[in-house]
Each structure stands twice: as C-alpha cells, then as structure tokens.
Amino acid sequence: MVDVSQHDLVPDHSVVDEDDLEAVLDEYDIKRTDLPKIKRADPALPDDAEEGDVIRIVRDSRTTDEAIVYRLVVE
C-alpha cells in the first residue's frame, strides 16, 4: 500500500501546538472554529492528528516561496 503523506506532491502537514495556535488565532482575530476544516480520514494528515487539532499545511508558492494555511481537523 502507498503512503500518500510521503508523496512528493503532498505538501507538509503538521499538528500545531497550542502556544503557536494562540498566536495565529490572535494575529487573524479568529476562533479555532472559524478555520477551514479537514476530515480526520484525509490520508495526508499526520498519524497523531486527532479531532479538534489544527494542522499547518506548508505549500510551495510561486509568489511567496511558501504558503502556510491552517485547517481544523473534524470527524
């Protein structure tokens, strides 16, 4: 079986710790539930991701070198 999370075209997904998350939420003046959602069944998620965690996704970008987005894990 293929591990999708290790594929070259899948951007880096990592769980955000609570301290970093508070800084991000304060910067954008939003609540955790305002973030876009990602399903727990998504094969690109790290194995330790649980429902309610926030995931940082780092993608390559032509204009800014890398683009960072955040997603809330839902069931």
Protein backbone atom coordinates (compact mmCIF):
# COMPACT_ATOMS: atom_id res chain seq x y z
CA MET A 1 0.00 0.00 0.00
CA VAL A 2 1.19 3.51 -0.80
CA ASP A 3 1.69 6.09 1.97
CA VAL A 4 0.11 9.18 0.40
CA SER A 5 1.54 11.52 3.04
CA GLN A 6 5.08 10.75 1.81
CA HIS A 7 4.37 11.58 -1.85
CA ASP A 8 6.38 14.46 -3.37
CA LEU A 9 3.26 16.36 -4.44
CA VAL A 10 1.62 16.31 -0.99
CA PRO A 11 2.51 19.45 0.99
CA ASP A 12 3.90 19.15 4.53
CA HIS A 13 1.14 18.66 7.14
CA SER A 14 1.94 19.10 10.85
CA VAL A 15 -0.04 19.47 14.06
CA VAL A 16 0.18 22.98 15.56
CA ASP A 17 0.96 23.13 19.29
CA GLU A 18 -1.33 25.21 21.49
CA ASP A 19 1.14 28.08 22.05
CA ASP A 20 1.69 28.62 18.33
CA LEU A 21 -2.02 28.23 17.68
CA GLU A 22 -2.93 31.03 20.10
CA ALA A 23 -0.51 33.36 18.31
CA VAL A 24 -2.04 32.53 14.91
CA LEU A 25 -5.62 32.95 16.14
CA ASP A 26 -4.72 36.28 17.79
CA GLU A 27 -2.96 37.50 14.64
CA TYR A 28 -6.04 36.89 12.49
CA ASP A 29 -8.54 37.70 15.28
CA ILE A 30 -10.48 34.45 14.76
CA LYS A 31 -11.62 31.44 16.77
CA ARG A 32 -10.48 27.88 16.17
CA THR A 33 -13.89 27.02 14.71
CA ASP A 34 -13.55 29.81 12.10
CA LEU A 35 -10.73 27.90 10.38
CA PRO A 36 -11.43 25.85 7.25
CA LYS A 37 -11.98 22.16 8.01
CA ILE A 38 -10.14 18.97 7.06
CA LYS A 39 -11.54 15.50 7.66
CA ARG A 40 -9.73 13.12 10.02
CA ALA A 41 -9.89 10.49 7.26
CA ASP A 42 -7.72 12.62 4.93
CA PRO A 43 -4.71 10.41 4.10
CA ALA A 44 -2.27 13.35 4.15
CA LEU A 45 -2.83 14.04 7.87
CA PRO A 46 -0.13 13.02 10.35
CA ASP A 47 -0.92 9.85 12.30
CA ASP A 48 -1.02 11.75 15.61
CA ALA A 49 -3.70 14.24 14.40
CA GLU A 50 -6.95 14.00 16.33
CA GLU A 51 -10.33 15.68 16.01
CA GLY A 52 -10.06 19.28 17.26
CA ASP A 53 -6.36 19.65 16.35
CA VAL A 54 -5.21 22.38 13.98
CA ILE A 55 -2.97 21.39 11.08
CA ARG A 56 -0.37 23.66 9.45
CA ILE A 57 -0.01 22.97 5.73
CA VAL A 58 3.07 24.41 4.02
CA ARG A 59 2.75 24.55 0.24
CA ASP A 60 5.17 25.75 -2.42
CA SER A 61 4.18 29.10 -3.90
CA ARG A 62 5.40 30.93 -6.98
CA THR A 63 4.90 34.36 -5.45
CA THR A 64 5.91 33.93 -1.79
CA ASP A 65 8.18 30.85 -1.93
CA GLU A 66 5.86 29.05 0.51
CA ALA A 67 2.24 29.48 1.55
CA ILE A 68 1.09 28.45 5.02
CA VAL A 69 -2.55 27.56 5.63
CA TYR A 70 -4.32 26.17 8.68
CA ARG A 71 -7.12 23.60 8.91
CA LEU A 72 -9.22 22.32 11.82
CA VAL A 73 -9.50 18.51 11.99
CA VAL A 74 -13.10 17.30 12.10
CA GLU A 75 -14.53 13.79 12.21
